[in-house]
Full PDB file with SEQRES, HELIX, SHEET, SSBOND, CRYST1, ORIGX, SCALE, CONECT and MASTER records, all heavy atoms in Angstrom:
SEQRES   1 A   40  LEU LEU ARG GLN ASN TRP ARG ARG LEU THR SER MET SER          
SEQRES   2 A   40  THR ALA LEU VAL LEU LEU PHE LEU LEU ALA LEU ALA ALA          
SEQRES   3 A   40  LEU PRO GLY ALA MET LEU PRO GLN ARG ASN LEU ASN VAL          
SEQRES   4 A   40  GLN                                                          
HELIX    1 AA1 LEU A    2  LEU A    9  1                                   8    
HELIX    2 AA2 MET A   12  MET A   31  1                                  20    
CRYST1    1.000    1.000    1.000  90.00  90.00  90.00 P 1           1          
ORIGX1      1.000000  0.000000  0.000000        0.00000                         
ORIGX2      0.000000  1.000000  0.000000        0.00000                         
ORIGX3      0.000000  0.000000  1.000000        0.00000                         
SCALE1      1.000000  0.000000  0.000000        0.00000                         
SCALE2      0.000000  1.000000  0.000000        0.00000                         
SCALE3      0.000000  0.000000  1.000000        0.00000                         
ATOM      1  N   LEU A   1       0.825  -1.213   0.000  1.00  0.00           N  
ATOM      2  CA  LEU A   1       0.000   0.000   0.000  1.00  0.00           C  
ATOM      3  C   LEU A   1       0.858   1.261   0.000  1.00  0.00           C  
ATOM      4  O   LEU A   1       0.532   2.250  -0.671  1.00  0.00           O  
ATOM      5  CB  LEU A   1      -0.939  -0.008   1.199  1.00  0.00           C  
ATOM      6  CG  LEU A   1      -2.121  -0.966   1.105  1.00  0.00           C  
ATOM      7  CD1 LEU A   1      -2.879  -1.010   2.424  1.00  0.00           C  
ATOM      8  CD2 LEU A   1      -3.038  -0.560  -0.015  1.00  0.00           C  
ATOM      9  N   LEU A   2       1.954   1.249   0.756  1.00  0.00           N  
ATOM     10  CA  LEU A   2       2.844   2.409   0.774  1.00  0.00           C  
ATOM     11  C   LEU A   2       3.454   2.656  -0.603  1.00  0.00           C  
ATOM     12  O   LEU A   2       3.515   3.798  -1.062  1.00  0.00           O  
ATOM     13  CB  LEU A   2       3.951   2.204   1.804  1.00  0.00           C  
ATOM     14  CG  LEU A   2       3.552   2.397   3.259  1.00  0.00           C  
ATOM     15  CD1 LEU A   2       4.684   1.977   4.179  1.00  0.00           C  
ATOM     16  CD2 LEU A   2       3.162   3.836   3.521  1.00  0.00           C  
ATOM     17  N   ARG A   3       3.897   1.596  -1.260  1.00  0.00           N  
ATOM     18  CA  ARG A   3       4.470   1.758  -2.595  1.00  0.00           C  
ATOM     19  C   ARG A   3       3.436   2.279  -3.583  1.00  0.00           C  
ATOM     20  O   ARG A   3       3.723   3.157  -4.403  1.00  0.00           O  
ATOM     21  CB  ARG A   3       5.008   0.420  -3.096  1.00  0.00           C  
ATOM     22  CG  ARG A   3       6.309   0.018  -2.465  1.00  0.00           C  
ATOM     23  CD  ARG A   3       6.801  -1.286  -3.026  1.00  0.00           C  
ATOM     24  NE  ARG A   3       8.045  -1.677  -2.386  1.00  0.00           N  
ATOM     25  CZ  ARG A   3       8.578  -2.874  -2.486  1.00  0.00           C  
ATOM     26  NH1 ARG A   3       7.975  -3.807  -3.198  1.00  0.00           N  
ATOM     27  NH2 ARG A   3       9.705  -3.153  -1.877  1.00  0.00           N  
ATOM     28  N   GLN A   4       2.239   1.732  -3.499  1.00  0.00           N  
ATOM     29  CA  GLN A   4       1.179   2.162  -4.410  1.00  0.00           C  
ATOM     30  C   GLN A   4       0.842   3.633  -4.192  1.00  0.00           C  
ATOM     31  O   GLN A   4       0.710   4.404  -5.154  1.00  0.00           O  
ATOM     32  CB  GLN A   4      -0.059   1.299  -4.184  1.00  0.00           C  
ATOM     33  CG  GLN A   4      -1.190   1.583  -5.128  1.00  0.00           C  
ATOM     34  CD  GLN A   4      -2.378   0.673  -4.849  1.00  0.00           C  
ATOM     35  OE1 GLN A   4      -2.425  -0.010  -3.843  1.00  0.00           O  
ATOM     36  NE2 GLN A   4      -3.328   0.666  -5.742  1.00  0.00           N  
ATOM     37  N   ASN A   5       0.734   4.050  -2.944  1.00  0.00           N  
ATOM     38  CA  ASN A   5       0.424   5.458  -2.655  1.00  0.00           C  
ATOM     39  C   ASN A   5       1.579   6.373  -3.042  1.00  0.00           C  
ATOM     40  O   ASN A   5       1.362   7.497  -3.504  1.00  0.00           O  
ATOM     41  CB  ASN A   5       0.067   5.621  -1.184  1.00  0.00           C  
ATOM     42  CG  ASN A   5      -1.298   5.064  -0.875  1.00  0.00           C  
ATOM     43  OD1 ASN A   5      -2.169   5.014  -1.742  1.00  0.00           O  
ATOM     44  ND2 ASN A   5      -1.499   4.630   0.348  1.00  0.00           N  
ATOM     45  N   TRP A   6       2.827   5.913  -2.842  1.00  0.00           N  
ATOM     46  CA  TRP A   6       3.982   6.725  -3.226  1.00  0.00           C  
ATOM     47  C   TRP A   6       4.010   6.932  -4.740  1.00  0.00           C  
ATOM     48  O   TRP A   6       4.282   8.017  -5.231  1.00  0.00           O  
ATOM     49  CB  TRP A   6       5.269   6.077  -2.746  1.00  0.00           C  
ATOM     50  CG  TRP A   6       6.471   6.871  -3.119  1.00  0.00           C  
ATOM     51  CD1 TRP A   6       7.410   6.562  -4.041  1.00  0.00           C  
ATOM     52  CD2 TRP A   6       6.848   8.148  -2.586  1.00  0.00           C  
ATOM     53  NE1 TRP A   6       8.348   7.549  -4.117  1.00  0.00           N  
ATOM     54  CE2 TRP A   6       8.043   8.534  -3.234  1.00  0.00           C  
ATOM     55  CE3 TRP A   6       6.304   8.983  -1.618  1.00  0.00           C  
ATOM     56  CZ2 TRP A   6       8.682   9.723  -2.956  1.00  0.00           C  
ATOM     57  CZ3 TRP A   6       6.957  10.179  -1.342  1.00  0.00           C  
ATOM     58  CH2 TRP A   6       8.116  10.541  -1.998  1.00  0.00           C  
ATOM     59  N   ARG A   7       3.713   5.863  -5.491  1.00  0.00           N  
ATOM     60  CA  ARG A   7       3.663   5.991  -6.954  1.00  0.00           C  
ATOM     61  C   ARG A   7       2.582   6.966  -7.382  1.00  0.00           C  
ATOM     62  O   ARG A   7       2.760   7.757  -8.303  1.00  0.00           O  
ATOM     63  CB  ARG A   7       3.408   4.627  -7.592  1.00  0.00           C  
ATOM     64  CG  ARG A   7       4.604   3.741  -7.607  1.00  0.00           C  
ATOM     65  CD  ARG A   7       4.350   2.485  -8.432  1.00  0.00           C  
ATOM     66  NE  ARG A   7       5.313   1.474  -8.050  1.00  0.00           N  
ATOM     67  CZ  ARG A   7       4.999   0.296  -7.547  1.00  0.00           C  
ATOM     68  NH1 ARG A   7       3.731  -0.033  -7.380  1.00  0.00           N  
ATOM     69  NH2 ARG A   7       5.925  -0.568  -7.207  1.00  0.00           N  
ATOM     70  N   ARG A   8       1.445   6.909  -6.709  1.00  0.00           N  
ATOM     71  CA  ARG A   8       0.354   7.813  -7.055  1.00  0.00           C  
ATOM     72  C   ARG A   8       0.732   9.259  -6.742  1.00  0.00           C  
ATOM     73  O   ARG A   8       0.435  10.175  -7.501  1.00  0.00           O  
ATOM     74  CB  ARG A   8      -0.903   7.410  -6.274  1.00  0.00           C  
ATOM     75  CG  ARG A   8      -2.121   8.177  -6.713  1.00  0.00           C  
ATOM     76  CD  ARG A   8      -3.364   7.682  -6.032  1.00  0.00           C  
ATOM     77  NE  ARG A   8      -3.612   6.294  -6.392  1.00  0.00           N  
ATOM     78  CZ  ARG A   8      -4.170   5.401  -5.583  1.00  0.00           C  
ATOM     79  NH1 ARG A   8      -4.518   5.736  -4.380  1.00  0.00           N  
ATOM     80  NH2 ARG A   8      -4.376   4.168  -5.987  1.00  0.00           N  
ATOM     81  N   LEU A   9       1.400   9.475  -5.591  1.00  0.00           N  
ATOM     82  CA  LEU A   9       1.788  10.837  -5.219  1.00  0.00           C  
ATOM     83  C   LEU A   9       2.867  11.405  -6.129  1.00  0.00           C  
ATOM     84  O   LEU A   9       2.922  12.612  -6.347  1.00  0.00           O  
ATOM     85  CB  LEU A   9       2.284  10.859  -3.767  1.00  0.00           C  
ATOM     86  CG  LEU A   9       1.213  10.866  -2.696  1.00  0.00           C  
ATOM     87  CD1 LEU A   9       1.854  10.754  -1.324  1.00  0.00           C  
ATOM     88  CD2 LEU A   9       0.384  12.122  -2.775  1.00  0.00           C  
ATOM     89  N   THR A  10       3.732  10.551  -6.631  1.00  0.00           N  
ATOM     90  CA  THR A  10       4.836  11.041  -7.458  1.00  0.00           C  
ATOM     91  C   THR A  10       4.518  10.985  -8.947  1.00  0.00           C  
ATOM     92  O   THR A  10       5.418  11.194  -9.766  1.00  0.00           O  
ATOM     93  CB  THR A  10       6.115  10.224  -7.184  1.00  0.00           C  
ATOM     94  OG1 THR A  10       5.847   8.842  -7.416  1.00  0.00           O  
ATOM     95  CG2 THR A  10       6.581  10.430  -5.763  1.00  0.00           C  
ATOM     96  N   SER A  11       3.298  10.736  -9.312  1.00  0.00           N  
ATOM     97  CA  SER A  11       2.949  10.687 -10.730  1.00  0.00           C  
ATOM     98  C   SER A  11       2.841  12.101 -11.295  1.00  0.00           C  
ATOM     99  O   SER A  11       2.652  13.085 -10.579  1.00  0.00           O  
ATOM    100  CB  SER A  11       1.637   9.944 -10.931  1.00  0.00           C  
ATOM    101  OG  SER A  11       0.567  10.706 -10.439  1.00  0.00           O  
ATOM    102  N   MET A  12       2.954  12.201 -12.603  1.00  0.00           N  
ATOM    103  CA  MET A  12       2.915  13.495 -13.270  1.00  0.00           C  
ATOM    104  C   MET A  12       1.543  14.144 -13.157  1.00  0.00           C  
ATOM    105  O   MET A  12       1.438  15.366 -13.004  1.00  0.00           O  
ATOM    106  CB  MET A  12       3.299  13.336 -14.739  1.00  0.00           C  
ATOM    107  CG  MET A  12       3.361  14.633 -15.499  1.00  0.00           C  
ATOM    108  SD  MET A  12       4.540  15.807 -14.831  1.00  0.00           S  
ATOM    109  CE  MET A  12       6.075  15.077 -15.301  1.00  0.00           C  
ATOM    110  N   SER A  13       0.494  13.347 -13.193  1.00  0.00           N  
ATOM    111  CA  SER A  13      -0.846  13.934 -13.113  1.00  0.00           C  
ATOM    112  C   SER A  13      -1.065  14.593 -11.750  1.00  0.00           C  
ATOM    113  O   SER A  13      -1.666  15.666 -11.671  1.00  0.00           O  
ATOM    114  CB  SER A  13      -1.910  12.868 -13.375  1.00  0.00           C  
ATOM    115  OG  SER A  13      -1.816  11.835 -12.435  1.00  0.00           O  
ATOM    116  N   THR A  14      -0.555  13.984 -10.692  1.00  0.00           N  
ATOM    117  CA  THR A  14      -0.675  14.597  -9.368  1.00  0.00           C  
ATOM    118  C   THR A  14       0.104  15.907  -9.325  1.00  0.00           C  
ATOM    119  O   THR A  14      -0.362  16.903  -8.773  1.00  0.00           O  
ATOM    120  CB  THR A  14      -0.152  13.644  -8.287  1.00  0.00           C  
ATOM    121  OG1 THR A  14      -0.890  12.419  -8.360  1.00  0.00           O  
ATOM    122  CG2 THR A  14      -0.307  14.234  -6.908  1.00  0.00           C  
ATOM    123  N   ALA A  15       1.299  15.911  -9.903  1.00  0.00           N  
ATOM    124  CA  ALA A  15       2.107  17.130  -9.930  1.00  0.00           C  
ATOM    125  C   ALA A  15       1.389  18.234 -10.699  1.00  0.00           C  
ATOM    126  O   ALA A  15       1.389  19.403 -10.266  1.00  0.00           O  
ATOM    127  CB  ALA A  15       3.464  16.846 -10.555  1.00  0.00           C  
ATOM    128  N   LEU A  16       0.760  17.892 -11.800  1.00  0.00           N  
ATOM    129  CA  LEU A  16       0.050  18.905 -12.582  1.00  0.00           C  
ATOM    130  C   LEU A  16      -1.161  19.446 -11.844  1.00  0.00           C  
ATOM    131  O   LEU A  16      -1.428  20.658 -11.879  1.00  0.00           O  
ATOM    132  CB  LEU A  16      -0.368  18.324 -13.931  1.00  0.00           C  
ATOM    133  CG  LEU A  16       0.772  18.061 -14.912  1.00  0.00           C  
ATOM    134  CD1 LEU A  16       0.260  17.346 -16.143  1.00  0.00           C  
ATOM    135  CD2 LEU A  16       1.465  19.350 -15.265  1.00  0.00           C  
ATOM    136  N   VAL A  17      -1.878  18.582 -11.154  1.00  0.00           N  
ATOM    137  CA  VAL A  17      -3.043  19.042 -10.388  1.00  0.00           C  
ATOM    138  C   VAL A  17      -2.595  19.965  -9.268  1.00  0.00           C  
ATOM    139  O   VAL A  17      -3.195  21.033  -9.043  1.00  0.00           O  
ATOM    140  CB  VAL A  17      -3.828  17.832  -9.827  1.00  0.00           C  
ATOM    141  CG1 VAL A  17      -4.835  18.269  -8.777  1.00  0.00           C  
ATOM    142  CG2 VAL A  17      -4.518  17.091 -10.951  1.00  0.00           C  
ATOM    143  N   LEU A  18      -1.538  19.597  -8.551  1.00  0.00           N  
ATOM    144  CA  LEU A  18      -1.047  20.456  -7.468  1.00  0.00           C  
ATOM    145  C   LEU A  18      -0.522  21.786  -8.003  1.00  0.00           C  
ATOM    146  O   LEU A  18      -0.723  22.835  -7.374  1.00  0.00           O  
ATOM    147  CB  LEU A  18       0.042  19.733  -6.678  1.00  0.00           C  
ATOM    148  CG  LEU A  18      -0.431  18.547  -5.852  1.00  0.00           C  
ATOM    149  CD1 LEU A  18       0.759  17.840  -5.216  1.00  0.00           C  
ATOM    150  CD2 LEU A  18      -1.419  18.982  -4.785  1.00  0.00           C  
ATOM    151  N   LEU A  19       0.127  21.773  -9.138  1.00  0.00           N  
ATOM    152  CA  LEU A  19       0.617  23.015  -9.753  1.00  0.00           C  
ATOM    153  C   LEU A  19      -0.542  23.908 -10.164  1.00  0.00           C  
ATOM    154  O   LEU A  19      -0.503  25.131  -9.969  1.00  0.00           O  
ATOM    155  CB  LEU A  19       1.497  22.686 -10.952  1.00  0.00           C  
ATOM    156  CG  LEU A  19       2.272  23.835 -11.566  1.00  0.00           C  
ATOM    157  CD1 LEU A  19       3.222  24.440 -10.550  1.00  0.00           C  
ATOM    158  CD2 LEU A  19       3.032  23.348 -12.774  1.00  0.00           C  
ATOM    159  N   PHE A  20      -1.587  23.312 -10.718  1.00  0.00           N  
ATOM    160  CA  PHE A  20      -2.776  24.080 -11.087  1.00  0.00           C  
ATOM    161  C   PHE A  20      -3.432  24.688  -9.852  1.00  0.00           C  
ATOM    162  O   PHE A  20      -3.836  25.858  -9.866  1.00  0.00           O  
ATOM    163  CB  PHE A  20      -3.768  23.184 -11.823  1.00  0.00           C  
ATOM    164  CG  PHE A  20      -5.064  23.859 -12.145  1.00  0.00           C  
ATOM    165  CD1 PHE A  20      -5.136  24.805 -13.140  1.00  0.00           C  
ATOM    166  CD2 PHE A  20      -6.209  23.568 -11.426  1.00  0.00           C  
ATOM    167  CE1 PHE A  20      -6.334  25.448 -13.443  1.00  0.00           C  
ATOM    168  CE2 PHE A  20      -7.410  24.200 -11.708  1.00  0.00           C  
ATOM    169  CZ  PHE A  20      -7.467  25.144 -12.712  1.00  0.00           C  
ATOM    170  N   LEU A  21      -3.537  23.934  -8.775  1.00  0.00           N  
ATOM    171  CA  LEU A  21      -4.135  24.459  -7.548  1.00  0.00           C  
ATOM    172  C   LEU A  21      -3.298  25.590  -6.960  1.00  0.00           C  
ATOM    173  O   LEU A  21      -3.842  26.570  -6.445  1.00  0.00           O  
ATOM    174  CB  LEU A  21      -4.306  23.337  -6.528  1.00  0.00           C  
ATOM    175  CG  LEU A  21      -5.388  22.310  -6.845  1.00  0.00           C  
ATOM    176  CD1 LEU A  21      -5.373  21.187  -5.826  1.00  0.00           C  
ATOM    177  CD2 LEU A  21      -6.755  22.965  -6.915  1.00  0.00           C  
ATOM    178  N   LEU A  22      -1.989  25.485  -7.055  1.00  0.00           N  
ATOM    179  CA  LEU A  22      -1.118  26.555  -6.576  1.00  0.00           C  
ATOM    180  C   LEU A  22      -1.317  27.822  -7.392  1.00  0.00           C  
ATOM    181  O   LEU A  22      -1.396  28.929  -6.856  1.00  0.00           O  
ATOM    182  CB  LEU A  22       0.340  26.106  -6.633  1.00  0.00           C  
ATOM    183  CG  LEU A  22       1.376  27.105  -6.154  1.00  0.00           C  
ATOM    184  CD1 LEU A  22       1.195  27.389  -4.672  1.00  0.00           C  
ATOM    185  CD2 LEU A  22       2.765  26.589  -6.434  1.00  0.00           C  
ATOM    186  N   ALA A  23      -1.413  27.671  -8.707  1.00  0.00           N  
ATOM    187  CA  ALA A  23      -1.647  28.829  -9.577  1.00  0.00           C  
ATOM    188  C   ALA A  23      -3.001  29.447  -9.288  1.00  0.00           C  
ATOM    189  O   ALA A  23      -3.148  30.676  -9.260  1.00  0.00           O  
ATOM    190  CB  ALA A  23      -1.552  28.409 -11.038  1.00  0.00           C  
ATOM    191  N   LEU A  24      -3.994  28.611  -9.053  1.00  0.00           N  
ATOM    192  CA  LEU A  24      -5.330  29.109  -8.734  1.00  0.00           C  
ATOM    193  C   LEU A  24      -5.344  29.862  -7.405  1.00  0.00           C  
ATOM    194  O   LEU A  24      -5.985  30.904  -7.277  1.00  0.00           O  
ATOM    195  CB  LEU A  24      -6.311  27.925  -8.686  1.00  0.00           C  
ATOM    196  CG  LEU A  24      -7.787  28.241  -8.701  1.00  0.00           C  
ATOM    197  CD1 LEU A  24      -8.159  28.922 -10.007  1.00  0.00           C  
ATOM    198  CD2 LEU A  24      -8.581  26.956  -8.533  1.00  0.00           C  
ATOM    199  N   ALA A  25      -4.599  29.361  -6.429  1.00  0.00           N  
ATOM    200  CA  ALA A  25      -4.536  30.027  -5.127  1.00  0.00           C  
ATOM    201  C   ALA A  25      -3.769  31.343  -5.196  1.00  0.00           C  
ATOM    202  O   ALA A  25      -3.992  32.249  -4.383  1.00  0.00           O  
ATOM    203  CB  ALA A  25      -3.883  29.106  -4.098  1.00  0.00           C  
ATOM    204  N   ALA A  26      -2.879  31.498  -6.171  1.00  0.00           N  
ATOM    205  CA  ALA A  26      -2.089  32.721  -6.293  1.00  0.00           C  
ATOM    206  C   ALA A  26      -2.831  33.827  -7.023  1.00  0.00           C  
ATOM    207  O   ALA A  26      -2.431  35.005  -6.952  1.00  0.00           O  
ATOM    208  CB  ALA A  26      -0.782  32.421  -7.004  1.00  0.00           C  
ATOM    209  N   LEU A  27      -3.897  33.493  -7.715  1.00  0.00           N  
ATOM    210  CA  LEU A  27      -4.619  34.505  -8.497  1.00  0.00           C  
ATOM    211  C   LEU A  27      -5.171  35.662  -7.658  1.00  0.00           C  
ATOM    212  O   LEU A  27      -4.994  36.819  -8.062  1.00  0.00           O  
ATOM    213  CB  LEU A  27      -5.741  33.861  -9.292  1.00  0.00           C  
ATOM    214  CG  LEU A  27      -5.315  33.169 -10.573  1.00  0.00           C  
ATOM    215  CD1 LEU A  27      -6.505  32.497 -11.243  1.00  0.00           C  
ATOM    216  CD2 LEU A  27      -4.670  34.144 -11.520  1.00  0.00           C  
ATOM    217  N   PRO A  28      -5.839  35.425  -6.550  1.00  0.00           N  
ATOM    218  CA  PRO A  28      -6.361  36.581  -5.790  1.00  0.00           C  
ATOM    219  C   PRO A  28      -5.271  37.559  -5.366  1.00  0.00           C  
ATOM    220  O   PRO A  28      -5.461  38.773  -5.445  1.00  0.00           O  
ATOM    221  CB  PRO A  28      -7.027  35.951  -4.574  1.00  0.00           C  
ATOM    222  CG  PRO A  28      -7.368  34.574  -4.991  1.00  0.00           C  
ATOM    223  CD  PRO A  28      -6.287  34.167  -5.961  1.00  0.00           C  
ATOM    224  N   GLY A  29      -4.125  37.044  -4.957  1.00  0.00           N  
ATOM    225  CA  GLY A  29      -3.033  37.929  -4.552  1.00  0.00           C  
ATOM    226  C   GLY A  29      -2.469  38.729  -5.707  1.00  0.00           C  
ATOM    227  O   GLY A  29      -1.978  39.843  -5.527  1.00  0.00           O  
ATOM    228  N   ALA A  30      -2.543  38.179  -6.901  1.00  0.00           N  
ATOM    229  CA  ALA A  30      -2.026  38.890  -8.069  1.00  0.00           C  
ATOM    230  C   ALA A  30      -3.040  39.878  -8.623  1.00  0.00           C  
ATOM    231  O   ALA A  30      -2.665  40.902  -9.195  1.00  0.00           O  
ATOM    232  CB  ALA A  30      -1.638  37.884  -9.148  1.00  0.00           C  
ATOM    233  N   MET A  31      -4.320  39.596  -8.483  1.00  0.00           N  
ATOM    234  CA  MET A  31      -5.365  40.440  -9.071  1.00  0.00           C  
ATOM    235  C   MET A  31      -5.804  41.578  -8.157  1.00  0.00           C  
ATOM    236  O   MET A  31      -6.120  42.647  -8.646  1.00  0.00           O  
ATOM    237  CB  MET A  31      -6.578  39.590  -9.423  1.00  0.00           C  
ATOM    238  CG  MET A  31      -6.277  38.522 -10.437  1.00  0.00           C  
ATOM    239  SD  MET A  31      -5.665  39.211 -11.954  1.00  0.00           S  
ATOM    240  CE  MET A  31      -6.768  38.499 -13.117  1.00  0.00           C  
ATOM    241  N   LEU A  32      -5.847  41.336  -6.877  1.00  0.00           N  
ATOM    242  CA  LEU A  32      -6.319  42.374  -5.967  1.00  0.00           C  
ATOM    243  C   LEU A  32      -5.249  43.433  -5.771  1.00  0.00           C  
ATOM    244  O   LEU A  32      -4.069  43.111  -5.597  1.00  0.00           O  
ATOM    245  CB  LEU A  32      -6.699  41.769  -4.617  1.00  0.00           C  
ATOM    246  CG  LEU A  32      -7.869  40.791  -4.652  1.00  0.00           C  
ATOM    247  CD1 LEU A  32      -8.071  40.173  -3.287  1.00  0.00           C  
ATOM    248  CD2 LEU A  32      -9.129  41.474  -5.116  1.00  0.00           C  
ATOM    249  N   PRO A  33      -5.620  44.670  -5.781  1.00  0.00           N  
ATOM    250  CA  PRO A  33      -4.623  45.733  -5.589  1.00  0.00           C  
ATOM    251  C   PRO A  33      -4.110  45.738  -4.147  1.00  0.00           C  
ATOM    252  O   PRO A  33      -4.813  45.387  -3.215  1.00  0.00           O  
ATOM    253  CB  PRO A  33      -5.390  47.017  -5.911  1.00  0.00           C  
ATOM    254  CG  PRO A  33      -6.816  46.671  -5.721  1.00  0.00           C  
ATOM    255  CD  PRO A  33      -6.955  45.216  -6.017  1.00  0.00           C  
ATOM    256  N   GLN A  34      -2.879  46.154  -4.008  1.00  0.00           N  
ATOM    257  CA  GLN A  34      -2.247  46.220  -2.693  1.00  0.00           C  
ATOM    258  C   GLN A  34      -2.299  47.661  -2.203  1.00  0.00           C  
ATOM    259  O   GLN A  34      -1.800  48.565  -2.841  1.00  0.00           O  
ATOM    260  CB  GLN A  34      -0.789  45.755  -2.802  1.00  0.00           C  
ATOM    261  CG  GLN A  34      -0.625  44.405  -3.470  1.00  0.00           C  
ATOM    262  CD  GLN A  34      -1.241  43.285  -2.658  1.00  0.00           C  
ATOM    263  OE1 GLN A  34      -1.084  43.267  -1.444  1.00  0.00           O  
ATOM    264  NE2 GLN A  34      -1.930  42.378  -3.306  1.00  0.00           N  
ATOM    265  N   ARG A  35      -2.908  47.862  -1.061  1.00  0.00           N  
ATOM    266  CA  ARG A  35      -3.093  49.219  -0.543  1.00  0.00           C  
ATOM    267  C   ARG A  35      -1.785  49.885  -0.131  1.00  0.00           C  
ATOM    268  O   ARG A  35      -1.641  51.086  -0.264  1.00  0.00           O  
ATOM    269  CB  ARG A  35      -4.054  49.216   0.647  1.00  0.00           C  
ATOM    270  CG  ARG A  35      -5.477  48.962   0.257  1.00  0.00           C  
ATOM    271  CD  ARG A  35      -6.404  49.279   1.416  1.00  0.00           C  
ATOM    272  NE  ARG A  35      -7.781  48.984   1.044  1.00  0.00           N  
ATOM    273  CZ  ARG A  35      -8.598  49.839   0.481  1.00  0.00           C  
ATOM    274  NH1 ARG A  35      -8.204  51.048   0.199  1.00  0.00           N  
ATOM    275  NH2 ARG A  35      -9.817  49.486   0.167  1.00  0.00           N  
ATOM    276  N   ASN A  36      -0.846  49.149   0.394  1.00  0.00           N  
ATOM    277  CA  ASN A  36       0.359  49.783   0.910  1.00  0.00           C  
ATOM    278  C   ASN A  36       1.387  50.119  -0.180  1.00  0.00           C  
ATOM    279  O   ASN A  36       2.401  50.715   0.112  1.00  0.00           O  
ATOM    280  CB  ASN A  36       1.015  48.904   1.976  1.00  0.00           C  
ATOM    281  CG  ASN A  36       1.374  47.534   1.446  1.00  0.00           C  
ATOM    282  OD1 ASN A  36       1.096  47.215   0.304  1.00  0.00           O  
ATOM    283  ND2 ASN A  36       1.994  46.741   2.294  1.00  0.00           N  
ATOM    284  N   LEU A  37       1.138  49.763  -1.435  1.00  0.00           N  
ATOM    285  CA  LEU A  37       2.090  50.100  -2.482  1.00  0.00           C  
ATOM    286  C   LEU A  37       1.912  51.530  -2.984  1.00  0.00           C  
ATOM    287  O   LEU A  37       2.845  52.312  -2.995  1.00  0.00           O  
ATOM    288  CB  LEU A  37       1.960  49.117  -3.650  1.00  0.00           C  
ATOM    289  CG  LEU A  37       2.385  47.685  -3.352  1.00  0.00           C  
ATOM    290  CD1 LEU A  37       2.169  46.814  -4.569  1.00  0.00           C  
ATOM    291  CD2 LEU A  37       3.840  47.648  -2.928  1.00  0.00           C  
ATOM    292  N   ASN A  38       0.685  51.883  -3.398  1.00  0.00           N  
ATOM    293  CA  ASN A  38       0.413  53.220  -3.878  1.00  0.00           C  
ATOM    294  C   ASN A  38      -1.040  53.523  -3.516  1.00  0.00           C  
ATOM    295  O   ASN A  38      -1.961  53.148  -4.241  1.00  0.00           O  
ATOM    296  CB  ASN A  38       0.642  53.312  -5.383  1.00  0.00           C  
ATOM    297  CG  ASN A  38       0.617  54.742  -5.875  1.00  0.00           C  
ATOM    298  OD1 ASN A  38       0.099  55.620  -5.198  1.00  0.00           O  
ATOM    299  ND2 ASN A  38       1.168  54.958  -7.061  1.00  0.00           N  
ATOM    300  N   VAL A  39      -1.237  54.207  -2.425  1.00  0.00           N  
ATOM    301  CA  VAL A  39      -2.565  54.430  -1.875  1.00  0.00           C  
ATOM    302  C   VAL A  39      -3.451  55.204  -2.841  1.00  0.00           C  
ATOM    303  O   VAL A  39      -4.638  54.892  -2.992  1.00  0.00           O  
ATOM    304  CB  VAL A  39      -2.459  55.165  -0.510  1.00  0.00           C  
ATOM    305  CG1 VAL A  39      -3.831  55.426   0.070  1.00  0.00           C  
ATOM    306  CG2 VAL A  39      -1.621  54.349   0.455  1.00  0.00           C  
ATOM    307  N   GLN A  40      -2.921  56.187  -3.534  1.00  0.00           N  
ATOM    308  CA  GLN A  40      -3.726  57.007  -4.441  1.00  0.00           C  
ATOM    309  C   GLN A  40      -4.244  56.176  -5.623  1.00  0.00           C  
ATOM    310  O   GLN A  40      -5.416  56.260  -5.980  1.00  0.00           O  
ATOM    311  CB  GLN A  40      -2.919  58.197  -4.951  1.00  0.00           C  
ATOM    312  CG  GLN A  40      -2.601  59.200  -3.869  1.00  0.00           C  
ATOM    313  CD  GLN A  40      -1.668  60.273  -4.372  1.00  0.00           C  
ATOM    314  OE1 GLN A  40      -1.013  60.108  -5.406  1.00  0.00           O  
ATOM    315  NE2 GLN A  40      -1.592  61.383  -3.646  1.00  0.00           N  
TER     316      GLN A  40                                                      
MASTER        0    0    0    2    0    0    0    6  315    1    0    4          
END                                                                             
């Protein structure tokens, strides 16, 4: 079971899904304006 789960975790599809989720989580921080940079 450990080997099977390790193979599943290290597969390319898992890496792509995690990368997509990371990009999705970064979108709000990139899109929302930051108040402390330029208030005006």
